[in-house]
């Protein structure tokens, strides 16, 4: 019985560690999307873009809490999709359709 409980505890701890790693990756992806959207909005190219991206990605997050990570990832995705819709000059139903597809893409 003790052996079984220890195996269950070990399995839980391993699965929680994996979930945390996946959540952190998502936060980083959100940060990347946000920085890309900002660079696109500012129409940066070449060395200016590289410098901006380096500074943006190395900047500390305003909300380092684990609870804020999924929200910031979603916000980053929203910002990137908005920037794409703006550059494509989408309006009305076309924009709604594009945003729905963009936000649901993984």
N, C-alpha and C. Protein backbone atom coordinates (compact mmCIF):
# COMPACT_ATOMS: atom_id res chain seq x y z
N UNK A 1 0.82 -1.20 0.00
CA UNK A 1 0.00 0.00 0.00
C UNK A 1 0.87 1.26 0.00
N UNK A 2 1.92 1.28 0.84
CA UNK A 2 2.81 2.44 0.89
C UNK A 2 3.51 2.63 -0.46
N UNK A 3 3.88 1.49 -1.05
CA UNK A 3 4.57 1.56 -2.34
C UNK A 3 3.64 2.16 -3.40
N UNK A 4 2.40 1.78 -3.37
CA UNK A 4 1.44 2.29 -4.34
C UNK A 4 1.21 3.78 -4.15
N UNK A 5 1.09 4.22 -2.90
CA UNK A 5 0.91 5.64 -2.62
C UNK A 5 2.12 6.45 -3.08
N UNK A 6 3.33 5.90 -2.86
CA UNK A 6 4.51 6.64 -3.31
C UNK A 6 4.56 6.73 -4.83
N UNK A 7 4.14 5.70 -5.53
CA UNK A 7 4.12 5.75 -6.99
C UNK A 7 3.10 6.78 -7.49
N UNK A 8 1.95 6.84 -6.84
CA UNK A 8 0.94 7.81 -7.21
C UNK A 8 1.46 9.23 -6.96
N UNK A 9 2.09 9.44 -5.82
CA UNK A 9 2.65 10.75 -5.48
C UNK A 9 3.73 11.14 -6.49
N UNK A 10 4.58 10.19 -6.86
CA UNK A 10 5.63 10.46 -7.84
C UNK A 10 5.01 10.83 -9.19
N UNK A 11 4.00 10.10 -9.60
CA UNK A 11 3.33 10.39 -10.86
C UNK A 11 2.71 11.77 -10.87
N UNK A 12 2.08 12.14 -9.77
CA UNK A 12 1.48 13.47 -9.68
C UNK A 12 2.52 14.57 -9.74
N UNK A 13 3.62 14.38 -9.03
CA UNK A 13 4.65 15.42 -9.03
C UNK A 13 5.27 15.56 -10.41
N UNK A 14 5.44 14.45 -11.13
CA UNK A 14 5.99 14.54 -12.48
C UNK A 14 5.02 15.22 -13.43
N UNK A 15 3.74 14.92 -13.30
CA UNK A 15 2.76 15.55 -14.20
C UNK A 15 2.62 17.04 -13.91
N UNK A 16 2.71 17.44 -12.66
CA UNK A 16 2.64 18.86 -12.32
C UNK A 16 3.85 19.60 -12.86
N UNK A 17 5.00 19.00 -12.80
CA UNK A 17 6.22 19.61 -13.35
C UNK A 17 6.10 19.82 -14.84
N UNK A 18 5.54 18.87 -15.53
CA UNK A 18 5.35 18.97 -16.98
C UNK A 18 4.35 20.07 -17.30
N UNK A 19 3.28 20.15 -16.54
CA UNK A 19 2.27 21.19 -16.77
C UNK A 19 2.87 22.58 -16.55
N UNK A 20 3.70 22.72 -15.54
CA UNK A 20 4.34 24.01 -15.28
C UNK A 20 5.25 24.40 -16.43
N UNK A 21 6.02 23.44 -16.95
CA UNK A 21 6.93 23.73 -18.07
C UNK A 21 6.13 24.16 -19.30
N UNK A 22 5.02 23.50 -19.56
CA UNK A 22 4.19 23.86 -20.71
C UNK A 22 3.60 25.26 -20.53
N UNK A 23 3.20 25.59 -19.32
CA UNK A 23 2.62 26.91 -19.04
C UNK A 23 3.67 27.99 -19.25
N UNK A 24 4.89 27.74 -18.80
CA UNK A 24 5.96 28.71 -18.96
C UNK A 24 6.29 28.93 -20.43
N UNK A 25 6.29 27.87 -21.21
CA UNK A 25 6.55 27.98 -22.64
C UNK A 25 5.47 28.83 -23.29
N UNK A 26 4.25 28.66 -22.88
CA UNK A 26 3.15 29.43 -23.43
C UNK A 26 3.32 30.91 -23.10
N UNK A 27 3.78 31.22 -21.91
CA UNK A 27 4.00 32.61 -21.53
C UNK A 27 5.09 33.23 -22.41
N UNK A 28 6.15 32.47 -22.67
CA UNK A 28 7.23 32.96 -23.52
C UNK A 28 6.73 33.16 -24.95
N UNK A 29 5.90 32.24 -25.41
CA UNK A 29 5.34 32.38 -26.75
C UNK A 29 4.45 33.63 -26.83
N UNK A 30 3.72 33.88 -25.76
CA UNK A 30 2.88 35.08 -25.71
C UNK A 30 3.71 36.34 -25.75
N UNK A 31 4.84 36.32 -25.04
CA UNK A 31 5.73 37.46 -25.03
C UNK A 31 6.31 37.69 -26.43
N UNK A 32 6.68 36.60 -27.09
CA UNK A 32 7.21 36.69 -28.45
C UNK A 32 6.17 37.28 -29.40
N UNK A 33 4.93 36.82 -29.28
CA UNK A 33 3.86 37.33 -30.13
C UNK A 33 3.62 38.82 -29.88
N UNK A 34 3.65 39.21 -28.62
CA UNK A 34 3.46 40.62 -28.28
C UNK A 34 4.56 41.48 -28.85
N UNK A 35 5.81 41.04 -28.68
CA UNK A 35 6.94 41.81 -29.20
C UNK A 35 6.89 41.89 -30.72
N UNK A 36 6.53 40.79 -31.38
CA UNK A 36 6.40 40.79 -32.84
C UNK A 36 5.33 41.77 -33.29
N UNK A 37 4.20 41.75 -32.59
CA UNK A 37 3.11 42.66 -32.95
C UNK A 37 3.53 44.11 -32.78
N UNK A 38 4.24 44.41 -31.68
CA UNK A 38 4.70 45.77 -31.45
C UNK A 38 5.69 46.20 -32.54
N UNK A 39 6.60 45.31 -32.90
CA UNK A 39 7.59 45.63 -33.94
C UNK A 39 6.89 45.86 -35.29
N UNK A 40 5.87 45.04 -35.56
CA UNK A 40 5.14 45.17 -36.82
C UNK A 40 4.38 46.50 -36.85
N UNK A 41 3.76 46.85 -35.71
CA UNK A 41 3.00 48.10 -35.62
C UNK A 41 3.91 49.30 -35.83
N UNK A 42 5.13 49.22 -35.26
CA UNK A 42 6.10 50.31 -35.40
C UNK A 42 6.83 50.27 -36.74
N UNK A 43 6.52 49.24 -37.56
CA UNK A 43 7.12 49.06 -38.88
C UNK A 43 8.65 49.08 -38.82
N UNK A 44 9.20 48.33 -37.87
CA UNK A 44 10.66 48.25 -37.73
C UNK A 44 11.22 47.21 -38.68
N UNK A 45 12.40 47.48 -39.21
CA UNK A 45 13.06 46.58 -40.15
C UNK A 45 14.55 46.46 -39.78
N UNK A 46 15.15 45.37 -40.20
CA UNK A 46 16.60 45.18 -40.08
C UNK A 46 17.13 45.27 -38.66
N UNK A 47 18.21 46.04 -38.50
CA UNK A 47 18.88 46.15 -37.21
C UNK A 47 18.00 46.80 -36.15
N UNK A 48 17.16 47.75 -36.56
CA UNK A 48 16.25 48.38 -35.59
C UNK A 48 15.31 47.34 -34.99
N UNK A 49 14.79 46.46 -35.86
CA UNK A 49 13.88 45.41 -35.39
C UNK A 49 14.60 44.44 -34.47
N UNK A 50 15.82 44.03 -34.84
CA UNK A 50 16.59 43.11 -34.00
C UNK A 50 16.84 43.71 -32.61
N UNK A 51 17.22 44.98 -32.59
CA UNK A 51 17.49 45.64 -31.31
C UNK A 51 16.21 45.71 -30.46
N UNK A 52 15.10 46.10 -31.11
CA UNK A 52 13.83 46.20 -30.40
C UNK A 52 13.41 44.84 -29.84
N UNK A 53 13.51 43.79 -30.67
CA UNK A 53 13.10 42.45 -30.24
C UNK A 53 13.96 41.98 -29.06
N UNK A 54 15.25 42.23 -29.12
CA UNK A 54 16.15 41.82 -28.04
C UNK A 54 15.75 42.50 -26.73
N UNK A 55 15.50 43.79 -26.79
CA UNK A 55 15.11 44.54 -25.59
C UNK A 55 13.74 44.10 -25.09
N UNK A 56 12.82 43.92 -26.01
CA UNK A 56 11.45 43.53 -25.64
C UNK A 56 11.42 42.15 -24.98
N UNK A 57 12.12 41.19 -25.58
CA UNK A 57 12.10 39.82 -25.05
C UNK A 57 12.89 39.69 -23.75
N UNK A 58 13.88 40.54 -23.53
CA UNK A 58 14.66 40.43 -22.30
C UNK A 58 14.06 41.24 -21.16
N UNK A 59 13.07 42.08 -21.46
CA UNK A 59 12.41 42.88 -20.42
C UNK A 59 11.65 41.96 -19.47
N UNK A 60 11.66 42.32 -18.22
CA UNK A 60 10.94 41.54 -17.20
C UNK A 60 9.46 41.75 -17.37
N UNK A 61 8.71 40.69 -17.13
CA UNK A 61 7.25 40.75 -17.23
C UNK A 61 6.69 41.60 -16.10
N UNK A 62 5.64 42.33 -16.37
CA UNK A 62 5.01 43.17 -15.35
C UNK A 62 4.27 42.32 -14.32
N UNK A 63 3.80 41.13 -14.72
CA UNK A 63 3.06 40.25 -13.81
C UNK A 63 3.71 38.88 -13.78
N UNK A 64 4.69 38.67 -12.88
CA UNK A 64 5.42 37.40 -12.86
C UNK A 64 4.66 36.25 -12.20
N UNK A 65 3.48 36.49 -11.68
CA UNK A 65 2.72 35.44 -11.00
C UNK A 65 2.33 34.34 -11.97
N UNK A 66 2.28 33.11 -11.48
CA UNK A 66 1.93 31.96 -12.32
C UNK A 66 0.50 32.09 -12.87
N UNK A 67 -0.38 32.73 -12.11
CA UNK A 67 -1.76 32.90 -12.55
C UNK A 67 -1.84 33.84 -13.76
N UNK A 68 -0.93 34.79 -13.86
CA UNK A 68 -0.98 35.79 -14.92
C UNK A 68 -0.43 35.26 -16.24
N UNK A 69 0.33 34.18 -16.21
CA UNK A 69 0.96 33.66 -17.42
C UNK A 69 -0.05 33.34 -18.53
N UNK A 70 -1.11 32.58 -18.26
CA UNK A 70 -2.05 32.30 -19.34
C UNK A 70 -2.74 33.55 -19.87
N UNK A 71 -3.05 34.49 -18.98
CA UNK A 71 -3.71 35.72 -19.41
C UNK A 71 -2.78 36.52 -20.30
N UNK A 72 -1.50 36.64 -19.94
CA UNK A 72 -0.58 37.42 -20.75
C UNK A 72 -0.33 36.73 -22.08
N UNK A 73 -0.34 35.41 -22.13
CA UNK A 73 -0.19 34.69 -23.39
C UNK A 73 -1.37 34.99 -24.29
N UNK A 74 -2.58 34.98 -23.73
CA UNK A 74 -3.78 35.28 -24.51
C UNK A 74 -3.76 36.73 -24.97
N UNK A 75 -3.31 37.62 -24.10
CA UNK A 75 -3.23 39.02 -24.48
C UNK A 75 -2.23 39.22 -25.61
N UNK A 76 -1.12 38.49 -25.54
CA UNK A 76 -0.12 38.58 -26.60
C UNK A 76 -0.67 38.08 -27.92
N UNK A 77 -1.43 37.00 -27.85
CA UNK A 77 -2.04 36.45 -29.06
C UNK A 77 -3.04 37.46 -29.64
N UNK A 78 -3.83 38.07 -28.76
CA UNK A 78 -4.82 39.06 -29.18
C UNK A 78 -4.13 40.25 -29.85
N UNK A 79 -3.03 40.69 -29.26
CA UNK A 79 -2.30 41.82 -29.80
C UNK A 79 -1.72 41.49 -31.18
N UNK A 80 -1.16 40.28 -31.32
CA UNK A 80 -0.58 39.86 -32.60
C UNK A 80 -1.66 39.75 -33.67
N UNK A 81 -2.80 39.16 -33.32
CA UNK A 81 -3.90 39.03 -34.28
C UNK A 81 -4.44 40.40 -34.69
N UNK A 82 -4.55 41.30 -33.72
CA UNK A 82 -5.01 42.66 -34.03
C UNK A 82 -4.06 43.36 -34.99
N UNK A 83 -2.75 43.20 -34.75
CA UNK A 83 -1.75 43.82 -35.62
C UNK A 83 -1.84 43.26 -37.04
N UNK A 84 -2.03 41.93 -37.14
CA UNK A 84 -2.16 41.31 -38.45
C UNK A 84 -3.42 41.81 -39.18
N UNK A 85 -4.52 41.89 -38.45
CA UNK A 85 -5.77 42.37 -39.04
C UNK A 85 -5.62 43.83 -39.51
N UNK A 86 -4.88 44.60 -38.74
CA UNK A 86 -4.68 46.01 -39.10
C UNK A 86 -3.82 46.13 -40.36
N UNK A 87 -2.74 45.33 -40.43
CA UNK A 87 -1.88 45.41 -41.61
C UNK A 87 -2.62 44.92 -42.87
N UNK A 88 -3.55 43.98 -42.69
CA UNK A 88 -4.34 43.49 -43.83
C UNK A 88 -5.53 44.40 -44.12
N UNK A 89 -5.71 45.42 -43.27
CA UNK A 89 -6.78 46.40 -43.41
C UNK A 89 -8.16 45.74 -43.49
N UNK A 90 -8.40 44.78 -42.60
CA UNK A 90 -9.68 44.07 -42.56
C UNK A 90 -10.70 44.88 -41.78
N UNK A 91 -11.94 44.82 -42.22
CA UNK A 91 -13.04 45.55 -41.57
C UNK A 91 -14.27 44.65 -41.48
N UNK A 92 -15.12 44.94 -40.54
CA UNK A 92 -16.42 44.28 -40.42
C UNK A 92 -16.36 42.77 -40.26
N UNK A 93 -17.18 42.08 -41.04
CA UNK A 93 -17.28 40.62 -40.94
C UNK A 93 -15.98 39.92 -41.29
N UNK A 94 -15.23 40.47 -42.27
CA UNK A 94 -13.94 39.87 -42.63
C UNK A 94 -13.00 39.88 -41.43
N UNK A 95 -12.99 41.01 -40.71
CA UNK A 95 -12.12 41.13 -39.53
C UNK A 95 -12.55 40.16 -38.43
N UNK A 96 -13.85 40.06 -38.20
CA UNK A 96 -14.37 39.15 -37.18
C UNK A 96 -13.97 37.71 -37.49
N UNK A 97 -14.13 37.32 -38.75
CA UNK A 97 -13.79 35.96 -39.17
C UNK A 97 -12.29 35.72 -38.99
N UNK A 98 -11.47 36.68 -39.43
CA UNK A 98 -10.02 36.54 -39.30
C UNK A 98 -9.62 36.44 -37.83
N UNK A 99 -10.17 37.30 -36.97
CA UNK A 99 -9.82 37.28 -35.55
C UNK A 99 -10.21 35.96 -34.91
N UNK A 100 -11.38 35.44 -35.25
CA UNK A 100 -11.83 34.16 -34.69
C UNK A 100 -10.86 33.05 -35.06
N UNK A 101 -10.46 33.00 -36.33
CA UNK A 101 -9.53 31.97 -36.79
C UNK A 101 -8.15 32.16 -36.17
N UNK A 102 -7.70 33.39 -36.12
CA UNK A 102 -6.37 33.70 -35.59
C UNK A 102 -6.28 33.33 -34.11
N UNK A 103 -7.28 33.70 -33.33
CA UNK A 103 -7.26 33.43 -31.89
C UNK A 103 -7.46 31.96 -31.54
N UNK A 104 -8.12 31.21 -32.42
CA UNK A 104 -8.33 29.80 -32.13
C UNK A 104 -7.18 28.94 -32.64
N UNK A 105 -6.30 29.49 -33.47
CA UNK A 105 -5.14 28.73 -33.97
C UNK A 105 -4.16 28.49 -32.84
N UNK A 106 -3.47 27.34 -32.91
CA UNK A 106 -2.49 27.05 -31.85
C UNK A 106 -1.11 27.42 -32.25
